[in-house]
Amino acid sequence: MIKPHELFKYWRADQVAECMSGVPDSLYLTLWNEIIPHQSDEFQETPEAGFEALANYWHLLSETDQTLLNTLAADHEAKEFYDSIFCHLSPAE
């Protein structure tokens, strides 16, 4: 099994499906149809960090989806880092 990216210890499947850039339609449907129904009994509007995390349901995903999700998470993390650097390098107004 492929180890989940650290980000998935905190993000829920619905957050990944709706908020992460680059999620293809097939993965979006997998998250909504295969993962979210399993977490719906535990779902809270404002969950504790990691309580309903995607990492808890990682074993339900195919290795192909796990690989794709890790790639998307790494891209997301890189963009966040890149954006933070340029935010700090912007001239003061």
PDB file of N, CA and C in Angstrom:
ATOM      1  N   MET A   1       0.834  -1.187   0.000  1.00  0.00           N
ATOM      2  CA  MET A   1       0.000   0.000   0.000  1.00  0.00           C
ATOM      3  C   MET A   1       0.877   1.248   0.000  1.00  0.00           C
ATOM      4  N   ILE A   2       0.404   2.254  -0.662  1.00  0.00           N
ATOM      5  CA  ILE A   2       1.097   3.531  -0.753  1.00  0.00           C
ATOM      6  C   ILE A   2       0.719   4.379   0.458  1.00  0.00           C
ATOM      7  N   LYS A   3       1.700   4.954   1.091  1.00  0.00           N
ATOM      8  CA  LYS A   3       1.469   5.787   2.272  1.00  0.00           C
ATOM      9  C   LYS A   3       0.836   7.119   1.845  1.00  0.00           C
ATOM     10  N   PRO A   4      -0.205   7.571   2.567  1.00  0.00           N
ATOM     11  CA  PRO A   4      -0.831   8.847   2.203  1.00  0.00           C
ATOM     12  C   PRO A   4       0.063  10.043   2.535  1.00  0.00           C
ATOM     13  N   HIS A   5      -0.033  11.045   1.705  1.00  0.00           N
ATOM     14  CA  HIS A   5       0.648  12.317   1.941  1.00  0.00           C
ATOM     15  C   HIS A   5       0.187  12.867   3.293  1.00  0.00           C
ATOM     16  N   GLU A   6       1.048  13.555   3.971  1.00  0.00           N
ATOM     17  CA  GLU A   6       0.765  14.126   5.297  1.00  0.00           C
ATOM     18  C   GLU A   6      -0.511  14.980   5.302  1.00  0.00           C
ATOM     19  N   LEU A   7      -0.770  15.663   4.232  1.00  0.00           N
ATOM     20  CA  LEU A   7      -1.947  16.523   4.119  1.00  0.00           C
ATOM     21  C   LEU A   7      -3.245  15.761   4.379  1.00  0.00           C
ATOM     22  N   PHE A   8      -3.270  14.488   3.990  1.00  0.00           N
ATOM     23  CA  PHE A   8      -4.496  13.694   4.114  1.00  0.00           C
ATOM     24  C   PHE A   8      -4.760  13.213   5.540  1.00  0.00           C
ATOM     25  N   LYS A   9      -3.869  13.554   6.453  1.00  0.00           N
ATOM     26  CA  LYS A   9      -4.133  13.296   7.874  1.00  0.00           C
ATOM     27  C   LYS A   9      -5.039  14.384   8.456  1.00  0.00           C
ATOM     28  N   TYR A  10      -5.262  15.442   7.686  1.00  0.00           N
ATOM     29  CA  TYR A  10      -6.032  16.585   8.151  1.00  0.00           C
ATOM     30  C   TYR A  10      -7.220  16.930   7.260  1.00  0.00           C
ATOM     31  N   TRP A  11      -7.126  16.624   5.976  1.00  0.00           N
ATOM     32  CA  TRP A  11      -8.193  16.951   5.034  1.00  0.00           C
ATOM     33  C   TRP A  11      -9.174  15.797   4.926  1.00  0.00           C
ATOM     34  N   ARG A  12     -10.475  16.124   4.865  1.00  0.00           N
ATOM     35  CA  ARG A  12     -11.519  15.135   4.615  1.00  0.00           C
ATOM     36  C   ARG A  12     -11.647  14.908   3.111  1.00  0.00           C
ATOM     37  N   ALA A  13     -12.282  13.823   2.726  1.00  0.00           N
ATOM     38  CA  ALA A  13     -12.471  13.502   1.308  1.00  0.00           C
ATOM     39  C   ALA A  13     -13.276  14.583   0.592  1.00  0.00           C
ATOM     40  N   ASP A  14     -14.294  15.121   1.244  1.00  0.00           N
ATOM     41  CA  ASP A  14     -15.090  16.169   0.596  1.00  0.00           C
ATOM     42  C   ASP A  14     -14.269  17.436   0.379  1.00  0.00           C
ATOM     43  N   GLN A  15     -13.367  17.748   1.295  1.00  0.00           N
ATOM     44  CA  GLN A  15     -12.495  18.910   1.125  1.00  0.00           C
ATOM     45  C   GLN A  15     -11.556  18.706  -0.062  1.00  0.00           C
ATOM     46  N   VAL A  16     -11.025  17.502  -0.183  1.00  0.00           N
ATOM     47  CA  VAL A  16     -10.136  17.194  -1.309  1.00  0.00           C
ATOM     48  C   VAL A  16     -10.912  17.314  -2.620  1.00  0.00           C
ATOM     49  N   ALA A  17     -12.082  16.691  -2.669  1.00  0.00           N
ATOM     50  CA  ALA A  17     -12.886  16.694  -3.895  1.00  0.00           C
ATOM     51  C   ALA A  17     -13.284  18.109  -4.312  1.00  0.00           C
ATOM     52  N   GLU A  18     -13.649  18.941  -3.358  1.00  0.00           N
ATOM     53  CA  GLU A  18     -14.183  20.264  -3.678  1.00  0.00           C
ATOM     54  C   GLU A  18     -13.141  21.381  -3.726  1.00  0.00           C
ATOM     55  N   CYS A  19     -12.051  21.229  -3.002  1.00  0.00           N
ATOM     56  CA  CYS A  19     -11.127  22.360  -2.834  1.00  0.00           C
ATOM     57  C   CYS A  19      -9.748  22.169  -3.456  1.00  0.00           C
ATOM     58  N   MET A  20      -9.340  20.948  -3.719  1.00  0.00           N
ATOM     59  CA  MET A  20      -8.002  20.723  -4.242  1.00  0.00           C
ATOM     60  C   MET A  20      -8.001  20.859  -5.769  1.00  0.00           C
ATOM     61  N   SER A  21      -7.072  21.624  -6.283  1.00  0.00           N
ATOM     62  CA  SER A  21      -6.970  21.829  -7.727  1.00  0.00           C
ATOM     63  C   SER A  21      -6.521  20.556  -8.430  1.00  0.00           C
ATOM     64  N   GLY A  22      -7.098  20.326  -9.612  1.00  0.00           N
ATOM     65  CA  GLY A  22      -6.633  19.245 -10.465  1.00  0.00           C
ATOM     66  C   GLY A  22      -7.280  17.891 -10.243  1.00  0.00           C
ATOM     67  N   VAL A  23      -8.289  17.806  -9.386  1.00  0.00           N
ATOM     68  CA  VAL A  23      -8.945  16.522  -9.139  1.00  0.00           C
ATOM     69  C   VAL A  23      -9.780  16.170 -10.380  1.00  0.00           C
ATOM     70  N   PRO A  24      -9.427  15.077 -11.074  1.00  0.00           N
ATOM     71  CA  PRO A  24     -10.203  14.700 -12.258  1.00  0.00           C
ATOM     72  C   PRO A  24     -11.589  14.175 -11.868  1.00  0.00           C
ATOM     73  N   ASP A  25     -12.503  14.202 -12.821  1.00  0.00           N
ATOM     74  CA  ASP A  25     -13.886  13.785 -12.558  1.00  0.00           C
ATOM     75  C   ASP A  25     -13.979  12.382 -11.975  1.00  0.00           C
ATOM     76  N   SER A  26     -13.176  11.470 -12.483  1.00  0.00           N
ATOM     77  CA  SER A  26     -13.244  10.088 -11.999  1.00  0.00           C
ATOM     78  C   SER A  26     -12.856   9.986 -10.526  1.00  0.00           C
ATOM     79  N   LEU A  27     -11.832  10.721 -10.109  1.00  0.00           N
ATOM     80  CA  LEU A  27     -11.417  10.717  -8.707  1.00  0.00           C
ATOM     81  C   LEU A  27     -12.447  11.441  -7.842  1.00  0.00           C
ATOM     82  N   TYR A  28     -12.974  12.528  -8.349  1.00  0.00           N
ATOM     83  CA  TYR A  28     -14.029  13.269  -7.657  1.00  0.00           C
ATOM     84  C   TYR A  28     -15.193  12.331  -7.329  1.00  0.00           C
ATOM     85  N   LEU A  29     -15.625  11.559  -8.319  1.00  0.00           N
ATOM     86  CA  LEU A  29     -16.735  10.618  -8.121  1.00  0.00           C
ATOM     87  C   LEU A  29     -16.362   9.507  -7.143  1.00  0.00           C
ATOM     88  N   THR A  30     -15.133   9.025  -7.216  1.00  0.00           N
ATOM     89  CA  THR A  30     -14.684   7.996  -6.278  1.00  0.00           C
ATOM     90  C   THR A  30     -14.731   8.506  -4.850  1.00  0.00           C
ATOM     91  N   LEU A  31     -14.252   9.717  -4.640  1.00  0.00           N
ATOM     92  CA  LEU A  31     -14.265  10.287  -3.294  1.00  0.00           C
ATOM     93  C   LEU A  31     -15.696  10.422  -2.778  1.00  0.00           C
ATOM     94  N   TRP A  32     -16.591  10.941  -3.621  1.00  0.00           N
ATOM     95  CA  TRP A  32     -17.978  11.142  -3.190  1.00  0.00           C
ATOM     96  C   TRP A  32     -18.751   9.832  -3.064  1.00  0.00           C
ATOM     97  N   ASN A  33     -18.496   8.888  -3.940  1.00  0.00           N
ATOM     98  CA  ASN A  33     -19.290   7.649  -3.951  1.00  0.00           C
ATOM     99  C   ASN A  33     -18.707   6.534  -3.090  1.00  0.00           C
ATOM    100  N   GLU A  34     -17.389   6.528  -2.900  1.00  0.00           N
ATOM    101  CA  GLU A  34     -16.746   5.416  -2.197  1.00  0.00           C
ATOM    102  C   GLU A  34     -16.235   5.766  -0.801  1.00  0.00           C
ATOM    103  N   ILE A  35     -15.845   7.011  -0.588  1.00  0.00           N
ATOM    104  CA  ILE A  35     -15.233   7.388   0.688  1.00  0.00           C
ATOM    105  C   ILE A  35     -16.215   8.145   1.585  1.00  0.00           C
ATOM    106  N   ILE A  36     -16.813   9.169   1.074  1.00  0.00           N
ATOM    107  CA  ILE A  36     -17.671  10.030   1.890  1.00  0.00           C
ATOM    108  C   ILE A  36     -18.829   9.272   2.532  1.00  0.00           C
ATOM    109  N   PRO A  37     -19.458   8.309   1.846  1.00  0.00           N
ATOM    110  CA  PRO A  37     -20.517   7.550   2.546  1.00  0.00           C
ATOM    111  C   PRO A  37     -20.016   6.813   3.796  1.00  0.00           C
ATOM    112  N   HIS A  38     -18.761   6.405   3.808  1.00  0.00           N
ATOM    113  CA  HIS A  38     -18.196   5.726   4.973  1.00  0.00           C
ATOM    114  C   HIS A  38     -17.960   6.692   6.129  1.00  0.00           C
ATOM    115  N   GLN A  39     -17.661   7.934   5.819  1.00  0.00           N
ATOM    116  CA  GLN A  39     -17.390   8.891   6.884  1.00  0.00           C
ATOM    117  C   GLN A  39     -18.643   9.651   7.289  1.00  0.00           C
ATOM    118  N   SER A  40     -19.745   9.469   6.578  1.00  0.00           N
ATOM    119  CA  SER A  40     -20.931  10.273   6.855  1.00  0.00           C
ATOM    120  C   SER A  40     -21.481  10.057   8.259  1.00  0.00           C
ATOM    121  N   ASP A  41     -21.310   8.877   8.841  1.00  0.00           N
ATOM    122  CA  ASP A  41     -21.777   8.639  10.206  1.00  0.00           C
ATOM    123  C   ASP A  41     -20.975   9.446  11.219  1.00  0.00           C
ATOM    124  N   GLU A  42     -19.758   9.786  10.866  1.00  0.00           N
ATOM    125  CA  GLU A  42     -18.872  10.523  11.766  1.00  0.00           C
ATOM    126  C   GLU A  42     -18.836  12.012  11.438  1.00  0.00           C
ATOM    127  N   PHE A  43     -19.472  12.387  10.326  1.00  0.00           N
ATOM    128  CA  PHE A  43     -19.322  13.740   9.797  1.00  0.00           C
ATOM    129  C   PHE A  43     -19.839  14.803  10.758  1.00  0.00           C
ATOM    130  N   GLN A  44     -19.025  15.829  10.925  1.00  0.00           N
ATOM    131  CA  GLN A  44     -19.386  17.010  11.705  1.00  0.00           C
ATOM    132  C   GLN A  44     -19.079  18.221  10.832  1.00  0.00           C
ATOM    133  N   GLU A  45     -19.841  19.266  10.969  1.00  0.00           N
ATOM    134  CA  GLU A  45     -19.616  20.455  10.147  1.00  0.00           C
ATOM    135  C   GLU A  45     -18.233  21.062  10.409  1.00  0.00           C
ATOM    136  N   THR A  46     -17.815  21.086  11.665  1.00  0.00           N
ATOM    137  CA  THR A  46     -16.489  21.595  12.013  1.00  0.00           C
ATOM    138  C   THR A  46     -15.747  20.492  12.777  1.00  0.00           C
ATOM    139  N   PRO A  47     -15.179  19.536  12.049  1.00  0.00           N
ATOM    140  CA  PRO A  47     -14.542  18.394  12.710  1.00  0.00           C
ATOM    141  C   PRO A  47     -13.225  18.761  13.377  1.00  0.00           C
ATOM    142  N   GLU A  48     -12.835  17.928  14.319  1.00  0.00           N
ATOM    143  CA  GLU A  48     -11.499  18.043  14.890  1.00  0.00           C
ATOM    144  C   GLU A  48     -10.502  17.683  13.793  1.00  0.00           C
ATOM    145  N   ALA A  49      -9.342  18.296  13.827  1.00  0.00           N
ATOM    146  CA  ALA A  49      -8.313  18.011  12.824  1.00  0.00           C
ATOM    147  C   ALA A  49      -8.005  16.523  12.799  1.00  0.00           C
ATOM    148  N   GLY A  50      -8.116  15.935  11.638  1.00  0.00           N
ATOM    149  CA  GLY A  50      -7.771  14.538  11.458  1.00  0.00           C
ATOM    150  C   GLY A  50      -8.845  13.540  11.823  1.00  0.00           C
ATOM    151  N   PHE A  51      -9.947  13.984  12.432  1.00  0.00           N
ATOM    152  CA  PHE A  51     -10.961  13.050  12.905  1.00  0.00           C
ATOM    153  C   PHE A  51     -11.586  12.250  11.769  1.00  0.00           C
ATOM    154  N   GLU A  52     -11.942  12.925  10.694  1.00  0.00           N
ATOM    155  CA  GLU A  52     -12.540  12.262   9.534  1.00  0.00           C
ATOM    156  C   GLU A  52     -11.593  12.326   8.337  1.00  0.00           C
ATOM    157  N   ALA A  53     -10.326  12.349   8.607  1.00  0.00           N
ATOM    158  CA  ALA A  53      -9.320  12.555   7.576  1.00  0.00           C
ATOM    159  C   ALA A  53      -9.343  11.459   6.518  1.00  0.00           C
ATOM    160  N   LEU A  54      -9.029  11.855   5.299  1.00  0.00           N
ATOM    161  CA  LEU A  54      -8.972  10.915   4.184  1.00  0.00           C
ATOM    162  C   LEU A  54      -8.000   9.772   4.471  1.00  0.00           C
ATOM    163  N   ALA A  55      -6.944  10.034   5.209  1.00  0.00           N
ATOM    164  CA  ALA A  55      -5.965   8.980   5.529  1.00  0.00           C
ATOM    165  C   ALA A  55      -6.619   7.805   6.251  1.00  0.00           C
ATOM    166  N   ASN A  56      -7.689   8.063   6.997  1.00  0.00           N
ATOM    167  CA  ASN A  56      -8.396   6.995   7.710  1.00  0.00           C
ATOM    168  C   ASN A  56      -9.133   6.055   6.769  1.00  0.00           C
ATOM    169  N   TYR A  57      -9.357   6.494   5.542  1.00  0.00           N
ATOM    170  CA  TYR A  57     -10.102   5.709   4.553  1.00  0.00           C
ATOM    171  C   TYR A  57      -9.221   5.339   3.363  1.00  0.00           C
ATOM    172  N   TRP A  58      -7.941   5.587   3.493  1.00  0.00           N
ATOM    173  CA  TRP A  58      -6.962   5.400   2.425  1.00  0.00           C
ATOM    174  C   TRP A  58      -7.017   3.989   1.846  1.00  0.00           C
ATOM    175  N   HIS A  59      -7.208   3.000   2.689  1.00  0.00           N
ATOM    176  CA  HIS A  59      -7.218   1.596   2.264  1.00  0.00           C
ATOM    177  C   HIS A  59      -8.371   1.279   1.303  1.00  0.00           C
ATOM    178  N   LEU A  60      -9.368   2.146   1.226  1.00  0.00           N
ATOM    179  CA  LEU A  60     -10.498   1.933   0.333  1.00  0.00           C
ATOM    180  C   LEU A  60     -10.220   2.396  -1.098  1.00  0.00           C
ATOM    181  N   LEU A  61      -9.112   3.100  -1.284  1.00  0.00           N
ATOM    182  CA  LEU A  61      -8.745   3.637  -2.600  1.00  0.00           C
ATOM    183  C   LEU A  61      -7.824   2.690  -3.354  1.00  0.00           C
ATOM    184  N   SER A  62      -7.907   2.737  -4.669  1.00  0.00           N
ATOM    185  CA  SER A  62      -6.983   1.955  -5.496  1.00  0.00           C
ATOM    186  C   SER A  62      -5.592   2.585  -5.419  1.00  0.00           C
ATOM    187  N   GLU A  63      -4.581   1.818  -5.761  1.00  0.00           N
ATOM    188  CA  GLU A  63      -3.214   2.367  -5.773  1.00  0.00           C
ATOM    189  C   GLU A  63      -3.095   3.487  -6.795  1.00  0.00           C
ATOM    190  N   THR A  64      -3.833   3.388  -7.875  1.00  0.00           N
ATOM    191  CA  THR A  64      -3.821   4.447  -8.893  1.00  0.00           C
ATOM    192  C   THR A  64      -4.347   5.747  -8.296  1.00  0.00           C
ATOM    193  N   ASP A  65      -5.465   5.667  -7.574  1.00  0.00           N
ATOM    194  CA  ASP A  65      -6.025   6.863  -6.940  1.00  0.00           C
ATOM    195  C   ASP A  65      -5.124   7.373  -5.818  1.00  0.00           C
ATOM    196  N   GLN A  66      -4.513   6.481  -5.076  1.00  0.00           N
ATOM    197  CA  GLN A  66      -3.591   6.889  -4.019  1.00  0.00           C
ATOM    198  C   GLN A  66      -2.414   7.660  -4.604  1.00  0.00           C
ATOM    199  N   THR A  67      -1.867   7.151  -5.688  1.00  0.00           N
ATOM    200  CA  THR A  67      -0.734   7.818  -6.351  1.00  0.00           C
ATOM    201  C   THR A  67      -1.143   9.190  -6.856  1.00  0.00           C
ATOM    202  N   LEU A  68      -2.298   9.259  -7.496  1.00  0.00           N
ATOM    203  CA  LEU A  68      -2.783  10.531  -8.023  1.00  0.00           C
ATOM    204  C   LEU A  68      -3.030  11.530  -6.900  1.00  0.00           C
ATOM    205  N   LEU A  69      -3.651  11.094  -5.835  1.00  0.00           N
ATOM    206  CA  LEU A  69      -3.897  11.983  -4.698  1.00  0.00           C
ATOM    207  C   LEU A  69      -2.595  12.502  -4.094  1.00  0.00           C
ATOM    208  N   ASN A  70      -1.599  11.640  -3.959  1.00  0.00           N
ATOM    209  CA  ASN A  70      -0.308  12.091  -3.423  1.00  0.00           C
ATOM    210  C   ASN A  70       0.343  13.112  -4.338  1.00  0.00           C
ATOM    211  N   THR A  71       0.215  12.929  -5.637  1.00  0.00           N
ATOM    212  CA  THR A  71       0.747  13.897  -6.601  1.00  0.00           C
ATOM    213  C   THR A  71       0.027  15.232  -6.471  1.00  0.00           C
ATOM    214  N   LEU A  72      -1.302  15.188  -6.386  1.00  0.00           N
ATOM    215  CA  LEU A  72      -2.082  16.414  -6.219  1.00  0.00           C
ATOM    216  C   LEU A  72      -1.723  17.127  -4.915  1.00  0.00           C
ATOM    217  N   ALA A  73      -1.525  16.370  -3.845  1.00  0.00           N
ATOM    218  CA  ALA A  73      -1.162  16.969  -2.555  1.00  0.00           C
ATOM    219  C   ALA A  73       0.222  17.612  -2.618  1.00  0.00           C
ATOM    220  N   ALA A  74       1.155  16.945  -3.267  1.00  0.00           N
ATOM    221  CA  ALA A  74       2.501  17.517  -3.410  1.00  0.00           C
ATOM    222  C   ALA A  74       2.453  18.798  -4.236  1.00  0.00           C
ATOM    223  N   ASP A  75       1.652  18.806  -5.299  1.00  0.00           N
ATOM    224  CA  ASP A  75       1.490  20.011  -6.113  1.00  0.00           C
ATOM    225  C   ASP A  75       0.856  21.134  -5.300  1.00  0.00           C
ATOM    226  N   HIS A  76      -0.152  20.793  -4.512  1.00  0.00           N
ATOM    227  CA  HIS A  76      -0.828  21.774  -3.653  1.00  0.00           C
ATOM    228  C   HIS A  76       0.157  22.370  -2.648  1.00  0.00           C
ATOM    229  N   GLU A  77       0.934  21.502  -2.022  1.00  0.00           N
ATOM    230  CA  GLU A  77       1.919  21.940  -1.034  1.00  0.00           C
ATOM    231  C   GLU A  77       2.975  22.837  -1.676  1.00  0.00           C
ATOM    232  N   ALA A  78       3.438  22.467  -2.865  1.00  0.00           N
ATOM    233  CA  ALA A  78       4.440  23.264  -3.574  1.00  0.00           C
ATOM    234  C   ALA A  78       3.886  24.634  -3.932  1.00  0.00           C
ATOM    235  N   LYS A  79       2.626  24.684  -4.379  1.00  0.00           N
ATOM    236  CA  LYS A  79       2.008  25.957  -4.730  1.00  0.00           C
ATOM    237  C   LYS A  79       1.875  26.838  -3.498  1.00  0.00           C
ATOM    238  N   GLU A  80       1.459  26.252  -2.374  1.00  0.00           N
ATOM    239  CA  GLU A  80       1.338  27.012  -1.126  1.00  0.00           C
ATOM    240  C   GLU A  80       2.692  27.595  -0.725  1.00  0.00           C
ATOM    241  N   PHE A  81       3.741  26.790  -0.835  1.00  0.00           N
ATOM    242  CA  PHE A  81       5.088  27.245  -0.494  1.00  0.00           C
ATOM    243  C   PHE A  81       5.528  28.358  -1.438  1.00  0.00           C
ATOM    244  N   TYR A  82       5.313  28.151  -2.734  1.00  0.00           N
ATOM    245  CA  TYR A  82       5.685  29.128  -3.765  1.00  0.00           C
ATOM    246  C   TYR A  82       4.954  30.447  -3.509  1.00  0.00           C
ATOM    247  N   ASP A  83       3.654  30.357  -3.251  1.00  0.00           N
ATOM    248  CA  ASP A  83       2.866  31.561  -2.996  1.00  0.00           C
ATOM    249  C   ASP A  83       3.346  32.289  -1.741  1.00  0.00           C
ATOM    250  N   SER A  84       3.746  31.548  -0.712  1.00  0.00           N
ATOM    251  CA  SER A  84       4.193  32.193   0.520  1.00  0.00           C
ATOM    252  C   SER A  84       5.521  32.915   0.326  1.00  0.00           C
ATOM    253  N   ILE A  85       6.381  32.369  -0.514  1.00  0.00           N
ATOM    254  CA  ILE A  85       7.662  33.026  -0.786  1.00  0.00           C
ATOM    255  C   ILE A  85       7.430  34.362  -1.468  1.00  0.00           C
ATOM    256  N   PHE A  86       6.595  34.352  -2.501  1.00  0.00           N
ATOM    257  CA  PHE A  86       6.366  35.582  -3.245  1.00  0.00           C
ATOM    258  C   PHE A  86       5.547  36.583  -2.452  1.00  0.00           C
ATOM    259  N   CYS A  87       4.749  36.121  -1.533  1.00  0.00           N
ATOM    260  CA  CYS A  87       4.025  37.028  -0.652  1.00  0.00           C
ATOM    261  C   CYS A  87       5.020  37.803   0.208  1.00  0.00           C
ATOM    262  N   HIS A  88       6.039  37.117   0.684  1.00  0.00           N
ATOM    263  CA  HIS A  88       7.046  37.769   1.531  1.00  0.00           C
ATOM    264  C   HIS A  88       8.020  38.620   0.736  1.00  0.00           C
ATOM    265  N   LEU A  89       8.146  38.341  -0.551  1.00  0.00           N
ATOM    266  CA  LEU A  89       9.072  39.106  -1.374  1.00  0.00           C
ATOM    267  C   LEU A  89       8.420  40.309  -2.040  1.00  0.00           C
ATOM    268  N   SER A  90       7.112  40.447  -1.892  1.00  0.00           N
ATOM    269  CA  SER A  90       6.402  41.579  -2.498  1.00  0.00           C
ATOM    270  C   SER A  90       6.830  42.871  -1.825  1.00  0.00           C
ATOM    271  N   PRO A  91       6.970  43.920  -2.620  1.00  0.00           N
ATOM    272  CA  PRO A  91       7.355  45.209  -2.015  1.00  0.00           C
ATOM    273  C   PRO A  91       6.243  45.718  -1.093  1.00  0.00           C
ATOM    274  N   ALA A  92       6.637  46.404  -0.063  1.00  0.00           N
ATOM    275  CA  ALA A  92       5.667  46.974   0.880  1.00  0.00           C
ATOM    276  C   ALA A  92       4.914  48.091   0.195  1.00  0.00           C
ATOM    277  N   GLU A  93       3.643  48.163   0.506  1.00  0.00           N
ATOM    278  CA  GLU A  93       2.812  49.232  -0.107  1.00  0.00           C
ATOM    279  C   GLU A  93       2.722  50.410   0.820  1.00  0.00           C
TER     280      GLU A  93
END
